[in-house]
Structures are given as structure tokens and as C-alpha cells.
């Protein structure tokens, strides 16, 4: 694994975006689309929480 992938995996673990250890331990393996989408939704909810008032 190169340095770029190692840094990305370190950030994913630190932020807790992806919780499935099967995919965290094998960064060179392709992940299913649902794993990627779940991580994206998690990031979007952190940036813009769904339950904020509009005021």
C-alpha cells in the first residue's frame, strides 16, 4: 500500500466514517457501492446535520 492510500485509510479510521473492519483492513480490495454510499452519507450528515433549525 502506498503512502496516499495509507493516509486516506488513517483519516477514514480517525473520523469513523466507515465502520466495517472487513473493508478497512483491505484498502486495495474493491468495496461494494453500498459501502461507498454509506460513507458519503455519513460525511454529508456531518457537514450538514439533517435536524438543524432554519433560523
C-alpha atoms as a PDB file:
ATOM      1  CA  UNK A   1       0.000   0.000   0.000  1.00  0.00           C
ATOM      2  CA  UNK A   2       1.397   3.376  -0.957  1.00  0.00           C
ATOM      3  CA  UNK A   3       1.555   6.439   1.292  1.00  0.00           C
ATOM      4  CA  UNK A   4      -1.503   8.101  -0.244  1.00  0.00           C
ATOM      5  CA  UNK A   5      -3.739   5.107   0.484  1.00  0.00           C
ATOM      6  CA  UNK A   6      -2.309   4.759   3.979  1.00  0.00           C
ATOM      7  CA  UNK A   7      -3.103   8.410   4.728  1.00  0.00           C
ATOM      8  CA  UNK A   8      -6.664   8.056   3.421  1.00  0.00           C
ATOM      9  CA  UNK A   9      -7.243   4.916   5.490  1.00  0.00           C
ATOM     10  CA  UNK A  10      -5.846   6.666   8.579  1.00  0.00           C
ATOM     11  CA  UNK A  11      -8.308   9.537   8.096  1.00  0.00           C
ATOM     12  CA  UNK A  12     -11.219   7.150   7.493  1.00  0.00           C
ATOM     13  CA  UNK A  13     -10.435   5.365  10.765  1.00  0.00           C
ATOM     14  CA  UNK A  14      -9.925   8.622  12.672  1.00  0.00           C
ATOM     15  CA  UNK A  15     -13.201  10.158  11.501  1.00  0.00           C
ATOM     16  CA  UNK A  16     -15.121   6.902  11.932  1.00  0.00           C
ATOM     17  CA  UNK A  17     -16.714   7.236   8.501  1.00  0.00           C
ATOM     18  CA  UNK A  18     -16.522   3.567   7.583  1.00  0.00           C
ATOM     19  CA  UNK A  19     -17.251   1.109  10.367  1.00  0.00           C
ATOM     20  CA  UNK A  20     -16.846  -2.259   8.638  1.00  0.00           C
ATOM     21  CA  UNK A  21     -13.412  -3.692   9.581  1.00  0.00           C
ATOM     22  CA  UNK A  22     -13.505  -6.052   6.595  1.00  0.00           C
ATOM     23  CA  UNK A  23     -13.101  -3.088   4.225  1.00  0.00           C
ATOM     24  CA  UNK A  24     -10.793  -1.090   6.488  1.00  0.00           C
ATOM     25  CA  UNK A  25      -8.230  -3.882   6.657  1.00  0.00           C
ATOM     26  CA  UNK A  26      -8.091  -4.418   2.880  1.00  0.00           C
ATOM     27  CA  UNK A  27      -7.807  -0.989   1.205  1.00  0.00           C
ATOM     28  CA  UNK A  28      -6.713  -2.488  -2.126  1.00  0.00           C
ATOM     29  CA  UNK A  29      -9.841  -4.602  -2.467  1.00  0.00           C
ATOM     30  CA  UNK A  30     -12.779  -3.010  -4.285  1.00  0.00           C
ATOM     31  CA  UNK A  31     -15.669  -2.104  -2.000  1.00  0.00           C
ATOM     32  CA  UNK A  32     -19.332  -2.566  -2.869  1.00  0.00           C
ATOM     33  CA  UNK A  33     -21.246   0.510  -3.883  1.00  0.00           C
ATOM     34  CA  UNK A  34     -23.345   0.444  -0.696  1.00  0.00           C
ATOM     35  CA  UNK A  35     -20.197   0.797   1.438  1.00  0.00           C
ATOM     36  CA  UNK A  36     -19.082   3.838  -0.524  1.00  0.00           C
ATOM     37  CA  UNK A  37     -22.567   5.378  -0.450  1.00  0.00           C
ATOM     38  CA  UNK A  38     -22.875   4.806   3.287  1.00  0.00           C
ATOM     39  CA  UNK A  39     -19.557   6.591   3.845  1.00  0.00           C
ATOM     40  CA  UNK A  40     -20.664   9.506   1.654  1.00  0.00           C
ATOM     41  CA  UNK A  41     -23.952   9.864   3.514  1.00  0.00           C
ATOM     42  CA  UNK A  42     -22.070   9.862   6.815  1.00  0.00           C
ATOM     43  CA  UNK A  43     -19.820  12.686   5.585  1.00  0.00           C
ATOM     44  CA  UNK A  44     -22.786  14.687   4.271  1.00  0.00           C
ATOM     45  CA  UNK A  45     -24.629  14.368   7.581  1.00  0.00           C
ATOM     46  CA  UNK A  46     -21.560  15.617   9.449  1.00  0.00           C
ATOM     47  CA  UNK A  47     -21.220  18.634   7.162  1.00  0.00           C
ATOM     48  CA  UNK A  48     -24.939  19.492   7.123  1.00  0.00           C
ATOM     49  CA  UNK A  49     -26.763  17.800  10.015  1.00  0.00           C
ATOM     50  CA  UNK A  50     -30.348  16.945   8.978  1.00  0.00           C
ATOM     51  CA  UNK A  51     -32.026  18.315  12.121  1.00  0.00           C
ATOM     52  CA  UNK A  52     -30.839  21.927  12.297  1.00  0.00           C
ATOM     53  CA  UNK A  53     -33.337  24.787  12.541  1.00  0.00           C
ATOM     54  CA  UNK A  54     -33.567  27.081   9.517  1.00  0.00           C
ATOM     55  CA  UNK A  55     -33.220  30.272  11.554  1.00  0.00           C
END
